[in-house]
Amino acid sequence: MAKVVTDENFEEVVLNSDIPVIVDFWAEWCGPCRMLHPILDEMENEYGDKILIAKVDVDKDQKYAAEYGIRNIPTVLIVKGGEIKEKQVGVAPKAVYKNKIDALL
């Protein structure tokens, strides 16, 4: 199950993580965001504890969405060592996310 991340725990969960974090900036009303969720769930099952899936609801928590210039959702950031390593705007095939993660593991 993806970790719900808020403005209050973003730094602790995402930036201070020892493993790569896939951060999904999304909103409940966003159809493409809902299309992305099963892809991320599959990846979480496949990679287990090698990665963390984090979800930021941009309607509720806007600080980091604004800081990282998130203008469209879904936007996925892949963060490792506190730094953004990859960015994907919009829904992409699962292979796109897997290739980006595999390059960081």
N, C-alpha and C. Protein backbone atom coordinates (compact mmCIF):
# COMPACT_ATOMS: atom_id res chain seq x y z
N MET A 1 0.84 -1.18 0.00
CA MET A 1 0.00 0.00 0.00
C MET A 1 0.89 1.25 0.00
N ALA A 2 0.61 2.15 -0.90
CA ALA A 2 1.40 3.37 -1.02
C ALA A 2 1.31 4.19 0.27
N LYS A 3 2.37 4.87 0.57
CA LYS A 3 2.45 5.72 1.76
C LYS A 3 1.84 7.08 1.43
N VAL A 4 0.89 7.51 2.23
CA VAL A 4 0.31 8.84 2.06
C VAL A 4 1.29 9.86 2.64
N VAL A 5 1.65 10.82 1.81
CA VAL A 5 2.63 11.82 2.23
C VAL A 5 1.96 13.18 2.25
N THR A 6 2.25 13.94 3.30
CA THR A 6 1.70 15.28 3.48
C THR A 6 2.83 16.30 3.51
N ASP A 7 2.47 17.56 3.55
CA ASP A 7 3.48 18.61 3.68
C ASP A 7 4.31 18.39 4.94
N GLU A 8 3.67 17.88 5.99
CA GLU A 8 4.35 17.72 7.28
C GLU A 8 5.36 16.57 7.28
N ASN A 9 5.10 15.49 6.54
CA ASN A 9 6.02 14.34 6.62
C ASN A 9 6.81 14.11 5.33
N PHE A 10 6.69 14.99 4.35
CA PHE A 10 7.37 14.80 3.06
C PHE A 10 8.88 14.67 3.24
N GLU A 11 9.47 15.58 3.98
CA GLU A 11 10.92 15.55 4.16
C GLU A 11 11.37 14.24 4.80
N GLU A 12 10.69 13.83 5.85
CA GLU A 12 11.05 12.60 6.56
C GLU A 12 10.89 11.37 5.67
N VAL A 13 9.74 11.25 5.00
CA VAL A 13 9.43 10.05 4.23
C VAL A 13 10.17 10.01 2.90
N VAL A 14 10.20 11.12 2.19
CA VAL A 14 10.73 11.13 0.83
C VAL A 14 12.20 11.55 0.79
N LEU A 15 12.50 12.71 1.32
CA LEU A 15 13.86 13.25 1.17
C LEU A 15 14.88 12.52 2.02
N ASN A 16 14.47 11.95 3.14
CA ASN A 16 15.40 11.25 4.02
C ASN A 16 15.39 9.73 3.83
N SER A 17 14.72 9.25 2.80
CA SER A 17 14.63 7.81 2.58
C SER A 17 15.97 7.22 2.12
N ASP A 18 16.24 6.02 2.57
CA ASP A 18 17.46 5.31 2.16
C ASP A 18 17.28 4.57 0.84
N ILE A 19 16.04 4.47 0.38
CA ILE A 19 15.74 3.76 -0.87
C ILE A 19 15.06 4.73 -1.84
N PRO A 20 15.07 4.42 -3.14
CA PRO A 20 14.38 5.30 -4.10
C PRO A 20 12.89 5.40 -3.77
N VAL A 21 12.36 6.60 -3.96
CA VAL A 21 10.95 6.86 -3.68
C VAL A 21 10.28 7.33 -4.97
N ILE A 22 9.19 6.67 -5.32
CA ILE A 22 8.35 7.12 -6.43
C ILE A 22 7.26 7.98 -5.80
N VAL A 23 7.29 9.27 -6.09
CA VAL A 23 6.33 10.20 -5.52
C VAL A 23 5.27 10.53 -6.57
N ASP A 24 4.05 10.14 -6.30
CA ASP A 24 2.92 10.36 -7.20
C ASP A 24 2.13 11.56 -6.72
N PHE A 25 2.23 12.68 -7.47
CA PHE A 25 1.42 13.85 -7.19
C PHE A 25 0.11 13.67 -7.94
N TRP A 26 -1.01 13.64 -7.22
CA TRP A 26 -2.28 13.27 -7.79
C TRP A 26 -3.42 14.03 -7.11
N ALA A 27 -4.66 13.81 -7.60
CA ALA A 27 -5.86 14.34 -6.96
C ALA A 27 -7.00 13.34 -7.20
N GLU A 28 -7.94 13.31 -6.29
CA GLU A 28 -9.05 12.37 -6.34
C GLU A 28 -9.86 12.50 -7.63
N TRP A 29 -10.06 13.69 -8.11
CA TRP A 29 -10.91 13.95 -9.29
C TRP A 29 -10.21 13.68 -10.62
N CYS A 30 -8.94 13.35 -10.59
CA CYS A 30 -8.11 13.21 -11.79
C CYS A 30 -8.21 11.79 -12.36
N GLY A 31 -8.86 11.66 -13.53
CA GLY A 31 -9.00 10.36 -14.18
C GLY A 31 -7.68 9.69 -14.51
N PRO A 32 -6.74 10.40 -15.16
CA PRO A 32 -5.44 9.79 -15.45
C PRO A 32 -4.69 9.35 -14.18
N CYS A 33 -4.91 10.07 -13.09
CA CYS A 33 -4.27 9.68 -11.83
C CYS A 33 -4.75 8.31 -11.39
N ARG A 34 -6.06 8.08 -11.55
CA ARG A 34 -6.62 6.78 -11.17
C ARG A 34 -6.10 5.68 -12.08
N MET A 35 -5.79 6.01 -13.33
CA MET A 35 -5.21 5.02 -14.24
C MET A 35 -3.80 4.62 -13.82
N LEU A 36 -3.09 5.53 -13.18
CA LEU A 36 -1.72 5.28 -12.76
C LEU A 36 -1.65 4.39 -11.51
N HIS A 37 -2.64 4.47 -10.65
CA HIS A 37 -2.59 3.75 -9.37
C HIS A 37 -2.33 2.25 -9.52
N PRO A 38 -3.02 1.52 -10.43
CA PRO A 38 -2.72 0.08 -10.55
C PRO A 38 -1.29 -0.20 -11.00
N ILE A 39 -0.74 0.67 -11.82
CA ILE A 39 0.65 0.50 -12.27
C ILE A 39 1.59 0.60 -11.08
N LEU A 40 1.39 1.60 -10.25
CA LEU A 40 2.25 1.78 -9.08
C LEU A 40 2.04 0.66 -8.07
N ASP A 41 0.82 0.18 -7.93
CA ASP A 41 0.56 -0.96 -7.03
C ASP A 41 1.32 -2.20 -7.50
N GLU A 42 1.31 -2.45 -8.80
CA GLU A 42 2.06 -3.60 -9.35
C GLU A 42 3.55 -3.45 -9.09
N MET A 43 4.07 -2.24 -9.28
CA MET A 43 5.49 -2.03 -9.05
C MET A 43 5.85 -2.23 -7.59
N GLU A 44 4.98 -1.77 -6.71
CA GLU A 44 5.22 -1.96 -5.28
C GLU A 44 5.30 -3.44 -4.94
N ASN A 45 4.42 -4.24 -5.54
CA ASN A 45 4.44 -5.68 -5.31
C ASN A 45 5.70 -6.33 -5.89
N GLU A 46 6.13 -5.88 -7.06
CA GLU A 46 7.30 -6.46 -7.72
C GLU A 46 8.62 -6.10 -7.03
N TYR A 47 8.75 -4.86 -6.61
CA TYR A 47 10.02 -4.39 -6.04
C TYR A 47 10.11 -4.56 -4.54
N GLY A 48 8.99 -4.75 -3.88
CA GLY A 48 8.99 -4.95 -2.44
C GLY A 48 9.64 -3.81 -1.69
N ASP A 49 10.56 -4.15 -0.80
CA ASP A 49 11.18 -3.12 0.04
C ASP A 49 12.38 -2.43 -0.62
N LYS A 50 12.57 -2.62 -1.91
CA LYS A 50 13.65 -1.93 -2.63
C LYS A 50 13.26 -0.50 -3.00
N ILE A 51 11.94 -0.23 -3.03
CA ILE A 51 11.45 1.11 -3.35
C ILE A 51 10.31 1.46 -2.41
N LEU A 52 9.96 2.73 -2.39
CA LEU A 52 8.81 3.21 -1.64
C LEU A 52 7.92 3.98 -2.61
N ILE A 53 6.64 3.70 -2.57
CA ILE A 53 5.67 4.45 -3.35
C ILE A 53 5.01 5.44 -2.39
N ALA A 54 5.06 6.71 -2.74
CA ALA A 54 4.47 7.77 -1.91
C ALA A 54 3.47 8.55 -2.75
N LYS A 55 2.35 8.90 -2.13
CA LYS A 55 1.30 9.64 -2.83
C LYS A 55 1.05 10.97 -2.13
N VAL A 56 1.05 12.04 -2.93
CA VAL A 56 0.78 13.38 -2.41
C VAL A 56 -0.49 13.90 -3.10
N ASP A 57 -1.53 14.11 -2.33
CA ASP A 57 -2.78 14.67 -2.85
C ASP A 57 -2.59 16.18 -2.96
N VAL A 58 -2.51 16.68 -4.19
CA VAL A 58 -2.19 18.09 -4.40
C VAL A 58 -3.32 19.03 -3.97
N ASP A 59 -4.51 18.51 -3.78
CA ASP A 59 -5.59 19.35 -3.28
C ASP A 59 -5.46 19.59 -1.78
N LYS A 60 -4.86 18.65 -1.08
CA LYS A 60 -4.72 18.76 0.37
C LYS A 60 -3.36 19.27 0.79
N ASP A 61 -2.32 18.91 0.07
CA ASP A 61 -0.95 19.25 0.44
C ASP A 61 -0.25 19.84 -0.78
N GLN A 62 -0.04 21.14 -0.74
CA GLN A 62 0.44 21.85 -1.92
C GLN A 62 1.87 22.36 -1.82
N LYS A 63 2.46 22.31 -0.66
CA LYS A 63 3.79 22.92 -0.47
C LYS A 63 4.83 22.34 -1.43
N TYR A 64 4.97 21.03 -1.46
CA TYR A 64 6.03 20.43 -2.29
C TYR A 64 5.64 20.39 -3.76
N ALA A 65 4.35 20.32 -4.06
CA ALA A 65 3.92 20.43 -5.44
C ALA A 65 4.33 21.79 -6.00
N ALA A 66 4.14 22.84 -5.21
CA ALA A 66 4.55 24.18 -5.64
C ALA A 66 6.07 24.28 -5.72
N GLU A 67 6.75 23.74 -4.72
CA GLU A 67 8.22 23.83 -4.68
C GLU A 67 8.86 23.14 -5.88
N TYR A 68 8.29 22.02 -6.31
CA TYR A 68 8.85 21.26 -7.43
C TYR A 68 8.20 21.62 -8.77
N GLY A 69 7.36 22.65 -8.78
CA GLY A 69 6.79 23.12 -10.02
C GLY A 69 5.83 22.14 -10.68
N ILE A 70 5.07 21.42 -9.88
CA ILE A 70 4.10 20.46 -10.42
C ILE A 70 2.92 21.26 -10.98
N ARG A 71 2.76 21.23 -12.29
CA ARG A 71 1.70 21.99 -12.95
C ARG A 71 0.60 21.09 -13.50
N ASN A 72 0.95 19.84 -13.78
CA ASN A 72 0.01 18.87 -14.32
C ASN A 72 0.04 17.61 -13.47
N ILE A 73 -1.11 16.96 -13.37
CA ILE A 73 -1.15 15.69 -12.66
C ILE A 73 -1.77 14.64 -13.56
N PRO A 74 -1.34 13.40 -13.40
CA PRO A 74 -0.33 12.97 -12.45
C PRO A 74 1.08 13.38 -12.89
N THR A 75 1.88 13.69 -11.93
CA THR A 75 3.32 13.85 -12.14
C THR A 75 4.00 12.94 -11.14
N VAL A 76 4.95 12.17 -11.63
CA VAL A 76 5.72 11.26 -10.79
C VAL A 76 7.15 11.75 -10.73
N LEU A 77 7.64 11.92 -9.51
CA LEU A 77 9.06 12.21 -9.30
C LEU A 77 9.69 10.96 -8.70
N ILE A 78 10.89 10.66 -9.15
CA ILE A 78 11.65 9.57 -8.53
C ILE A 78 12.80 10.23 -7.80
N VAL A 79 12.79 10.04 -6.49
CA VAL A 79 13.74 10.71 -5.60
C VAL A 79 14.66 9.66 -4.98
N LYS A 80 15.95 9.95 -5.01
CA LYS A 80 16.93 9.08 -4.36
C LYS A 80 17.94 9.97 -3.68
N GLY A 81 18.23 9.67 -2.42
CA GLY A 81 19.19 10.48 -1.69
C GLY A 81 18.77 11.92 -1.54
N GLY A 82 17.48 12.16 -1.50
CA GLY A 82 16.98 13.52 -1.33
C GLY A 82 16.98 14.36 -2.59
N GLU A 83 17.37 13.77 -3.71
CA GLU A 83 17.44 14.51 -4.98
C GLU A 83 16.49 13.90 -6.00
N ILE A 84 15.88 14.77 -6.80
CA ILE A 84 15.02 14.29 -7.89
C ILE A 84 15.92 13.73 -8.98
N LYS A 85 15.72 12.47 -9.29
CA LYS A 85 16.51 11.80 -10.32
C LYS A 85 15.76 11.69 -11.64
N GLU A 86 14.43 11.58 -11.56
CA GLU A 86 13.61 11.42 -12.76
C GLU A 86 12.27 12.12 -12.55
N LYS A 87 11.65 12.51 -13.67
CA LYS A 87 10.32 13.12 -13.62
C LYS A 87 9.51 12.60 -14.80
N GLN A 88 8.27 12.23 -14.54
CA GLN A 88 7.36 11.78 -15.58
C GLN A 88 6.04 12.51 -15.41
N VAL A 89 5.66 13.28 -16.42
CA VAL A 89 4.38 14.00 -16.39
C VAL A 89 3.38 13.20 -17.21
N GLY A 90 2.21 12.95 -16.63
CA GLY A 90 1.20 12.16 -17.31
C GLY A 90 1.43 10.68 -17.08
N VAL A 91 0.45 9.90 -17.49
CA VAL A 91 0.54 8.45 -17.33
C VAL A 91 1.41 7.88 -18.44
N ALA A 92 2.32 7.00 -18.06
CA ALA A 92 3.19 6.31 -19.03
C ALA A 92 3.03 4.81 -18.83
N PRO A 93 3.45 4.02 -19.80
CA PRO A 93 3.43 2.57 -19.60
C PRO A 93 4.32 2.16 -18.42
N LYS A 94 3.96 1.07 -17.81
CA LYS A 94 4.71 0.57 -16.65
C LYS A 94 6.20 0.44 -16.95
N ALA A 95 6.55 0.04 -18.16
CA ALA A 95 7.96 -0.15 -18.51
C ALA A 95 8.77 1.14 -18.35
N VAL A 96 8.14 2.27 -18.58
CA VAL A 96 8.85 3.56 -18.44
C VAL A 96 9.29 3.75 -16.99
N TYR A 97 8.38 3.51 -16.06
CA TYR A 97 8.71 3.67 -14.64
C TYR A 97 9.74 2.62 -14.20
N LYS A 98 9.55 1.38 -14.67
CA LYS A 98 10.49 0.31 -14.31
C LYS A 98 11.91 0.63 -14.79
N ASN A 99 12.04 1.13 -16.01
CA ASN A 99 13.37 1.46 -16.54
C ASN A 99 14.03 2.55 -15.70
N LYS A 100 13.25 3.53 -15.27
CA LYS A 100 13.81 4.62 -14.47
C LYS A 100 14.24 4.11 -13.09
N ILE A 101 13.44 3.25 -12.50
CA ILE A 101 13.79 2.69 -11.19
C ILE A 101 14.98 1.75 -11.30
N ASP A 102 14.97 0.88 -12.30
CA ASP A 102 16.07 -0.08 -12.47
C ASP A 102 17.40 0.62 -12.62
N ALA A 103 17.41 1.79 -13.25
CA ALA A 103 18.65 2.54 -13.44
C ALA A 103 19.19 3.08 -12.11
N LEU A 104 18.33 3.17 -11.10
CA LEU A 104 18.74 3.71 -9.79
C LEU A 104 19.06 2.63 -8.76
N LEU A 105 18.68 1.40 -9.05
CA LEU A 105 18.91 0.31 -8.07
C LEU A 105 20.26 -0.33 -8.26
